[in-house]
Amino acid sequence: MIHHLAPGGKIGLVLANGALSTQSSGEGEIRKKIIEDDLIEGIIAMPTQLFYSVTIPVTLWFITKGKKQKGKTLFIDARKMGHMVDRKHRDFSDEDIQKLADTFAAFQDGTLEDVKGFCSVAALQDIAKQDYILTPGRYVGIEEQEDDGEPFEEKMARFTSELSDMFAKSHELEDEIRRKLGAIGYEI
């Protein structure tokens, strides 16, 4: 597909997430060459359940010959975006789509600021340091968590107490299951 692009051509691809990092069958070398040729303008990690026929997460690849931001690639982690329309299908609102479009446009204009956990611009050298792996999470990081004000020691004491209670309940349930199975002639 890249071979058939015009000098200023662009292509958008929907690929399985394995294409971001796999090394089998020469895919790692192909990805490395595409990166070194400065063709990847953006990578967007999408959430699961966007398609009716498959539930796997996919990634959008934007490949551009003669891109505006030379030597840079935009990474967006959109895995938390969208809303469930039913048990098995997720959809994006118009606002979600606009947020992605605005982020991409700001990158192209050179005005985008990184947002921890959502988007980041990486130089080709940064991608090379990551062994040419294009998983957006490696570049965008984890979003900042607000401090809830509870001191660490108190939080850990509370968590360990809750965990201890859960373990006790687990043992009670295990004993009850053993008794009921024994009552119908099955021993564990």
Protein backbone atom coordinates (compact mmCIF):
# COMPACT_ATOMS: atom_id res chain seq x y z
CA MET A 1 0.00 0.00 0.00
CA ILE A 2 2.85 2.38 0.84
CA HIS A 3 4.41 1.67 -2.56
CA HIS A 4 1.25 2.94 -4.27
CA LEU A 5 1.06 6.22 -2.33
CA ALA A 6 1.58 9.43 -4.27
CA PRO A 7 4.46 11.69 -3.11
CA GLY A 8 2.13 13.55 -0.70
CA GLY A 9 -0.21 10.61 -0.21
CA LYS A 10 -1.83 9.45 3.01
CA ILE A 11 -3.32 6.16 4.11
CA GLY A 12 -5.20 5.06 7.21
CA LEU A 13 -5.00 1.43 8.25
CA VAL A 14 -6.84 -0.62 10.87
CA LEU A 15 -4.43 -3.27 12.15
CA ALA A 16 -4.43 -5.82 14.94
CA ASN A 17 -2.33 -4.72 17.92
CA GLY A 18 0.27 -7.38 17.17
CA ALA A 19 1.53 -5.26 14.28
CA LEU A 20 2.81 -2.72 16.83
CA SER A 21 5.42 -5.03 18.28
CA THR A 22 5.69 -8.46 16.66
CA GLN A 23 9.08 -9.58 15.40
CA SER A 24 7.96 -12.75 13.59
CA SER A 25 8.14 -13.28 9.82
CA GLY A 26 10.26 -10.16 9.35
CA GLU A 27 7.50 -7.84 10.60
CA GLY A 28 9.89 -6.11 12.99
CA GLU A 29 12.25 -5.24 10.14
CA ILE A 30 9.38 -3.98 7.97
CA ARG A 31 8.09 -1.79 10.83
CA LYS A 32 11.63 -0.49 11.49
CA LYS A 33 12.05 0.48 7.81
CA ILE A 34 8.67 2.27 7.74
CA ILE A 35 9.66 4.19 10.89
CA GLU A 36 13.14 5.05 9.60
CA ASP A 37 11.59 6.31 6.36
CA ASP A 38 9.54 8.71 8.57
CA LEU A 39 6.22 7.54 7.17
CA ILE A 40 4.20 6.99 10.35
CA GLU A 41 2.36 10.17 11.24
CA GLY A 42 0.20 8.74 14.00
CA ILE A 43 -0.82 5.62 15.91
CA ILE A 44 -4.11 5.44 17.84
CA ALA A 45 -4.82 2.52 20.18
CA MET A 46 -8.55 1.82 20.08
CA PRO A 47 -10.74 0.12 22.69
CA THR A 48 -12.18 -3.36 22.35
CA GLN A 49 -15.66 -4.14 21.04
CA LEU A 50 -15.83 -1.46 18.34
CA PHE A 51 -16.79 -3.92 15.61
CA TYR A 52 -19.73 -6.28 15.46
CA SER A 53 -17.72 -9.13 13.96
CA VAL A 54 -14.62 -9.06 16.23
CA THR A 55 -14.03 -7.96 19.82
CA ILE A 56 -10.24 -7.61 19.69
CA PRO A 57 -8.65 -4.21 20.16
CA VAL A 58 -7.16 -2.64 17.07
CA THR A 59 -4.86 0.23 16.24
CA LEU A 60 -5.29 2.95 13.65
CA TRP A 61 -2.11 3.69 11.70
CA PHE A 62 -1.80 6.93 9.74
CA ILE A 63 0.96 6.73 7.15
CA THR A 64 1.89 9.87 5.25
CA LYS A 65 4.50 10.65 2.63
CA GLY A 66 5.80 14.18 3.19
CA LYS A 67 4.23 14.66 6.63
CA LYS A 68 4.18 18.12 8.25
CA GLN A 69 5.94 17.12 11.48
CA LYS A 70 9.12 15.57 10.12
CA GLY A 71 10.86 13.10 12.41
CA LYS A 72 7.90 12.94 14.81
CA THR A 73 5.03 10.53 15.40
CA LEU A 74 1.84 11.13 17.35
CA PHE A 75 0.71 8.43 19.78
CA ILE A 76 -2.83 8.42 21.17
CA ASP A 77 -4.20 5.94 23.69
CA ALA A 78 -7.96 5.96 23.14
CA ARG A 79 -8.61 2.61 24.87
CA LYS A 80 -10.70 4.27 27.60
CA MET A 81 -12.80 6.29 25.18
CA GLY A 82 -16.25 5.48 23.88
CA HIS A 83 -19.32 4.09 25.58
CA MET A 84 -21.05 0.71 25.54
CA VAL A 85 -24.24 0.78 23.45
CA ASP A 86 -25.06 -2.75 24.53
CA ARG A 87 -23.32 -5.67 26.23
CA LYS A 88 -21.11 -6.43 23.25
CA HIS A 89 -20.64 -3.22 21.30
CA ARG A 90 -18.81 0.04 22.03
CA ASP A 91 -19.27 3.26 20.08
CA PHE A 92 -17.67 6.69 20.01
CA SER A 93 -19.71 9.84 20.55
CA ASP A 94 -19.32 12.80 18.23
CA GLU A 95 -17.32 14.46 21.04
CA ASP A 96 -14.93 11.47 21.22
CA ILE A 97 -14.33 11.62 17.48
CA GLN A 98 -13.84 15.39 17.63
CA LYS A 99 -11.32 15.03 20.47
CA LEU A 100 -9.26 12.60 18.37
CA ALA A 101 -9.51 14.80 15.28
CA ASP A 102 -8.55 17.94 17.25
CA THR A 103 -5.59 16.14 18.82
CA PHE A 104 -4.36 15.03 15.41
CA ALA A 105 -4.84 18.53 13.94
CA ALA A 106 -2.94 20.14 16.85
CA PHE A 107 -0.08 17.68 16.25
CA GLN A 108 0.03 18.54 12.56
CA ASP A 109 0.04 22.25 13.41
CA GLY A 110 2.84 21.77 15.94
CA THR A 111 0.70 23.10 18.82
CA LEU A 112 -0.05 19.83 20.64
CA GLU A 113 0.99 19.45 24.25
CA ASP A 114 1.42 15.94 25.63
CA VAL A 115 -1.36 14.74 27.92
CA LYS A 116 -0.15 12.02 30.28
CA GLY A 117 -2.11 8.83 29.65
CA PHE A 118 -3.71 10.12 26.43
CA CYS A 119 -1.30 11.55 23.84
CA SER A 120 2.37 12.13 23.23
CA VAL A 121 4.65 13.11 20.39
CA ALA A 122 7.77 10.97 19.99
CA ALA A 123 10.84 11.65 17.91
CA LEU A 124 12.22 8.89 15.68
CA GLN A 125 15.14 8.52 18.11
CA ASP A 126 12.69 7.84 20.97
CA ILE A 127 11.00 5.14 18.91
CA ALA A 128 14.39 3.59 18.07
CA LYS A 129 15.19 3.48 21.81
CA GLN A 130 11.97 1.47 22.26
CA ASP A 131 13.24 -1.11 19.71
CA TYR A 132 10.81 0.27 17.09
CA ILE A 133 7.81 -0.93 19.08
CA LEU A 134 4.83 1.36 18.46
CA THR A 135 2.56 0.53 21.41
CA PRO A 136 1.09 3.93 22.40
CA GLY A 137 1.21 3.13 26.14
CA ARG A 138 5.02 3.17 25.99
CA TYR A 139 4.94 6.79 24.90
CA VAL A 140 1.87 8.35 26.55
CA GLY A 141 2.50 6.85 29.99
CA ILE A 142 -0.10 6.57 32.73
CA GLU A 143 -2.46 9.41 33.51
CA GLU A 144 -1.92 11.25 36.76
CA GLN A 145 -4.04 10.02 39.65
CA GLU A 146 -5.46 12.55 42.05
CA ASP A 147 -4.22 12.20 45.62
CA ASP A 148 -7.16 11.18 47.80
CA GLY A 149 -5.50 12.61 50.92
CA GLU A 150 -5.42 9.27 52.76
CA PRO A 151 -1.92 8.61 54.12
CA PHE A 152 -0.18 5.59 52.60
CA GLU A 153 0.16 3.72 55.91
CA GLU A 154 -3.57 4.09 56.68
CA LYS A 155 -4.51 3.04 53.15
CA MET A 156 -2.31 -0.07 53.31
CA ALA A 157 -3.69 -0.99 56.76
CA ARG A 158 -7.24 -0.65 55.39
CA PHE A 159 -6.42 -2.65 52.24
CA THR A 160 -4.72 -5.47 54.16
CA SER A 161 -7.64 -5.64 56.59
CA GLU A 162 -10.11 -5.82 53.67
CA LEU A 163 -7.97 -8.48 52.00
CA SER A 164 -7.85 -10.50 55.22
CA ASP A 165 -11.66 -10.34 55.44
CA MET A 166 -11.93 -11.47 51.79
CA PHE A 167 -9.58 -14.40 52.43
CA ALA A 168 -11.68 -15.46 55.43
CA LYS A 169 -14.87 -15.27 53.35
CA SER A 170 -13.15 -17.23 50.57
CA HIS A 171 -12.27 -20.03 53.02
CA GLU A 172 -15.86 -20.08 54.32
CA LEU A 173 -17.20 -20.41 50.78
CA GLU A 174 -14.64 -23.11 49.97
CA ASP A 175 -15.70 -25.12 53.04
CA GLU A 176 -19.36 -24.70 52.14
CA ILE A 177 -18.74 -25.91 48.56
CA ARG A 178 -16.83 -28.96 49.89
CA ARG A 179 -19.73 -29.79 52.28
CA LYS A 180 -22.36 -29.47 49.55
CA LEU A 181 -20.37 -31.55 47.08
CA GLY A 182 -19.78 -34.15 49.82
CA ALA A 183 -23.52 -34.25 50.52
CA ILE A 184 -24.18 -35.35 46.93
CA GLY A 185 -21.35 -37.87 46.88
CA TYR A 186 -18.39 -35.90 45.52
CA GLU A 187 -15.22 -35.36 47.54
CA ILE A 188 -12.58 -32.78 46.73
